[in-house]
């Protein structure tokens, strides 16, 4: 197993730690959840970089990396809904896109085609991760001033828009898989 694949698996194992800390009522644990989220997010960048640099891009990595991202991001958003810091409608749009893209990947896999993450999907994920970190720092009072909160929610809404755009991009680029 490559180091990149190990980092992807590590990211998945960080999610329960992140969730437990985030859902606590202890500000120290909430700050730890933010640190864990940042570490997990950075492993996403690192595993892709290492896989390309070492020429170790694998089908497992193409499959598992986007799933690890989804698990991390969706877990954060669901926790933020539970704590009342974001509304469900945005997360529903994000989930809708993720189910469509995952279904598209399954359809492709049934035809022995692997659909790797494209640039729009990667940008979407980065923006989502940044907005989550900003929410964790701001919504929990670590940066408690209006500008930070407005900037955080603007970035969150931008991530929803990018989610829609990247979902449409995947469908257009892979329409032959869907409609054959």
Protein backbone atom coordinates (compact mmCIF):
# COMPACT_ATOMS: atom_id res chain seq x y z
CA UNK A 1 0.00 0.00 0.00
CA UNK A 2 1.37 3.41 -0.97
CA UNK A 3 1.97 6.26 1.48
CA UNK A 4 -0.70 8.25 -0.37
CA UNK A 5 -3.29 5.55 0.23
CA UNK A 6 -2.26 5.33 3.89
CA UNK A 7 -2.81 9.09 4.23
CA UNK A 8 -6.28 8.73 2.70
CA UNK A 9 -7.16 6.00 5.20
CA UNK A 10 -5.68 8.10 8.03
CA UNK A 11 -7.98 10.98 6.98
CA UNK A 12 -11.00 8.70 7.32
CA UNK A 13 -9.88 7.59 10.79
CA UNK A 14 -9.55 11.23 11.89
CA UNK A 15 -13.25 11.89 11.23
CA UNK A 16 -14.62 10.27 14.45
CA UNK A 17 -12.04 12.18 16.52
CA UNK A 18 -13.08 15.39 14.78
CA UNK A 19 -16.80 14.74 15.33
CA UNK A 20 -16.46 13.80 19.00
CA UNK A 21 -14.42 16.92 19.73
CA UNK A 22 -16.67 19.20 17.68
CA UNK A 23 -19.88 18.03 19.33
CA UNK A 24 -18.52 18.49 22.83
CA UNK A 25 -19.42 21.60 24.74
CA UNK A 26 -15.80 22.14 25.70
CA UNK A 27 -14.08 25.02 23.87
CA UNK A 28 -10.70 23.30 24.11
CA UNK A 29 -12.07 20.19 22.40
CA UNK A 30 -13.77 22.36 19.80
CA UNK A 31 -10.43 23.99 19.04
CA UNK A 32 -8.88 20.51 18.85
CA UNK A 33 -11.62 19.54 16.37
CA UNK A 34 -10.53 22.45 14.20
CA UNK A 35 -6.90 21.35 14.38
CA UNK A 36 -7.87 17.76 13.53
CA UNK A 37 -9.96 19.03 10.61
CA UNK A 38 -7.04 21.09 9.30
CA UNK A 39 -4.68 18.10 9.60
CA UNK A 40 -7.18 15.87 7.81
CA UNK A 41 -7.65 18.51 5.09
CA UNK A 42 -3.92 18.84 4.60
CA UNK A 43 -3.56 15.08 4.14
CA UNK A 44 -5.85 15.49 1.12
CA UNK A 45 -3.33 17.83 -0.51
CA UNK A 46 -0.35 15.78 0.60
CA UNK A 47 -1.63 12.41 -0.58
CA UNK A 48 -2.37 13.72 -4.07
CA UNK A 49 0.99 15.45 -4.29
CA UNK A 50 2.88 12.34 -3.18
CA UNK A 51 0.94 10.05 -5.49
CA UNK A 52 1.79 12.19 -8.51
CA UNK A 53 5.38 12.93 -7.48
CA UNK A 54 6.18 9.28 -6.77
CA UNK A 55 4.16 8.05 -9.75
CA UNK A 56 1.99 6.01 -7.40
CA UNK A 57 -1.47 7.00 -8.59
CA UNK A 58 -3.66 3.96 -7.93
CA UNK A 59 -7.25 3.04 -8.70
CA UNK A 60 -7.77 2.70 -4.94
CA UNK A 61 -6.57 6.28 -4.48
CA UNK A 62 -8.77 7.58 -7.29
CA UNK A 63 -11.72 5.86 -5.62
CA UNK A 64 -10.95 6.35 -1.91
CA UNK A 65 -9.58 9.91 -1.91
CA UNK A 66 -12.85 11.58 -3.00
CA UNK A 67 -14.78 9.37 -0.58
CA UNK A 68 -12.49 10.38 2.31
CA UNK A 69 -13.07 14.03 1.38
CA UNK A 70 -16.84 13.51 1.34
CA UNK A 71 -16.81 11.75 4.71
CA UNK A 72 -14.81 14.57 6.28
CA UNK A 73 -16.73 17.48 4.76
CA UNK A 74 -20.22 16.00 5.15
CA UNK A 75 -19.48 15.02 8.77
CA UNK A 76 -18.48 18.62 9.49
CA UNK A 77 -21.55 20.06 7.81
CA UNK A 78 -23.91 17.66 9.59
CA UNK A 79 -22.35 18.58 12.93
CA UNK A 80 -22.73 22.27 12.09
CA UNK A 81 -26.41 21.66 11.30
CA UNK A 82 -26.83 19.80 14.61
CA UNK A 83 -25.26 22.67 16.52
CA UNK A 84 -27.52 25.18 14.72
CA UNK A 85 -24.76 27.07 12.90
CA UNK A 86 -25.87 26.35 9.34
CA UNK A 87 -29.17 25.50 7.73
CA UNK A 88 -29.83 22.14 6.15
CA UNK A 89 -30.73 23.35 2.65
CA UNK A 90 -27.11 24.06 1.67
CA UNK A 91 -25.96 20.69 2.89
CA UNK A 92 -28.81 19.02 1.02
CA UNK A 93 -27.52 20.61 -2.21
CA UNK A 94 -24.02 19.39 -1.38
CA UNK A 95 -25.28 15.87 -0.61
CA UNK A 96 -27.36 15.84 -3.79
CA UNK A 97 -24.27 16.62 -5.88
CA UNK A 98 -22.18 14.05 -4.03
CA UNK A 99 -24.77 11.30 -4.62
CA UNK A 100 -24.99 12.16 -8.31
CA UNK A 101 -21.20 12.16 -8.79
CA UNK A 102 -20.85 8.95 -6.75
CA UNK A 103 -23.57 7.32 -8.86
CA UNK A 104 -21.76 8.46 -11.98
CA UNK A 105 -18.54 6.93 -10.67
CA UNK A 106 -20.34 3.65 -9.93
CA UNK A 107 -21.82 3.60 -13.44
CA UNK A 108 -18.34 4.25 -14.86
CA UNK A 109 -16.81 1.54 -12.68
CA UNK A 110 -19.35 -0.96 -14.02
CA UNK A 111 -17.85 -0.18 -17.44
CA UNK A 112 -14.28 -0.51 -16.09
CA UNK A 113 -13.76 3.26 -16.19
CA UNK A 114 -12.38 5.17 -13.21
CA UNK A 115 -13.44 8.81 -12.93
CA UNK A 116 -10.84 10.70 -10.96
CA UNK A 117 -11.55 14.03 -9.29
CA UNK A 118 -11.34 16.90 -11.74
CA UNK A 119 -10.15 20.46 -11.15
CA UNK A 120 -13.63 21.87 -10.41
CA UNK A 121 -14.24 19.15 -7.82
CA UNK A 122 -10.88 19.80 -6.20
CA UNK A 123 -11.50 23.56 -6.02
CA UNK A 124 -14.95 22.93 -4.56
CA UNK A 125 -13.47 20.70 -1.87
CA UNK A 126 -10.78 23.23 -0.94
CA UNK A 127 -13.34 26.04 -0.63
CA UNK A 128 -15.61 23.81 1.45
CA UNK A 129 -12.74 22.91 3.77
CA UNK A 130 -11.68 26.54 4.18
CA UNK A 131 -15.25 27.61 4.94
CA UNK A 132 -15.56 24.85 7.53
CA UNK A 133 -12.33 25.90 9.25
CA UNK A 134 -13.56 29.50 9.27
CA UNK A 135 -16.88 28.38 10.77
CA UNK A 136 -15.13 26.35 13.43
CA UNK A 137 -12.95 29.32 14.37
CA UNK A 138 -15.67 31.96 14.09
CA UNK A 139 -18.95 30.37 15.04
CA UNK A 140 -17.51 29.00 18.25
CA UNK A 141 -16.28 32.42 19.32
CA UNK A 142 -12.60 32.02 18.60
CA UNK A 143 -12.94 34.91 16.13
CA UNK A 144 -16.10 36.62 17.31
CA UNK A 145 -16.57 39.69 15.16
CA UNK A 146 -19.06 40.47 12.39
CA UNK A 147 -16.68 40.66 9.43
CA UNK A 148 -15.35 37.15 10.13
CA UNK A 149 -18.87 35.72 10.32
CA UNK A 150 -19.99 37.44 7.11
CA UNK A 151 -16.87 36.30 5.27
CA UNK A 152 -17.39 32.77 6.56
CA UNK A 153 -20.97 32.54 5.35
CA UNK A 154 -20.16 34.16 2.01
CA UNK A 155 -17.46 31.53 1.49
CA UNK A 156 -19.93 28.80 2.52
CA UNK A 157 -22.44 30.04 -0.08
CA UNK A 158 -19.67 30.22 -2.68
CA UNK A 159 -18.85 26.59 -1.86
CA UNK A 160 -22.50 25.66 -2.49
CA UNK A 161 -22.37 27.42 -5.86
CA UNK A 162 -19.10 25.66 -6.73
CA UNK A 163 -20.71 22.39 -5.69
CA UNK A 164 -23.43 22.93 -8.27
CA UNK A 165 -20.96 23.99 -10.96
CA UNK A 166 -18.65 21.03 -10.40
CA UNK A 167 -21.60 18.61 -10.35
CA UNK A 168 -22.80 19.93 -13.69
CA UNK A 169 -19.22 19.71 -15.00
CA UNK A 170 -18.97 16.02 -14.04
CA UNK A 171 -22.28 15.27 -15.75
CA UNK A 172 -21.31 17.09 -18.96
CA UNK A 173 -17.83 15.52 -19.12
CA UNK A 174 -19.20 12.03 -18.52
CA UNK A 175 -22.59 12.19 -20.25
CA UNK A 176 -21.73 9.22 -22.47
CA UNK A 177 -21.42 7.03 -19.36
CA UNK A 178 -24.77 8.25 -18.05
CA UNK A 179 -26.75 8.07 -21.25
CA UNK A 180 -25.42 4.88 -22.88
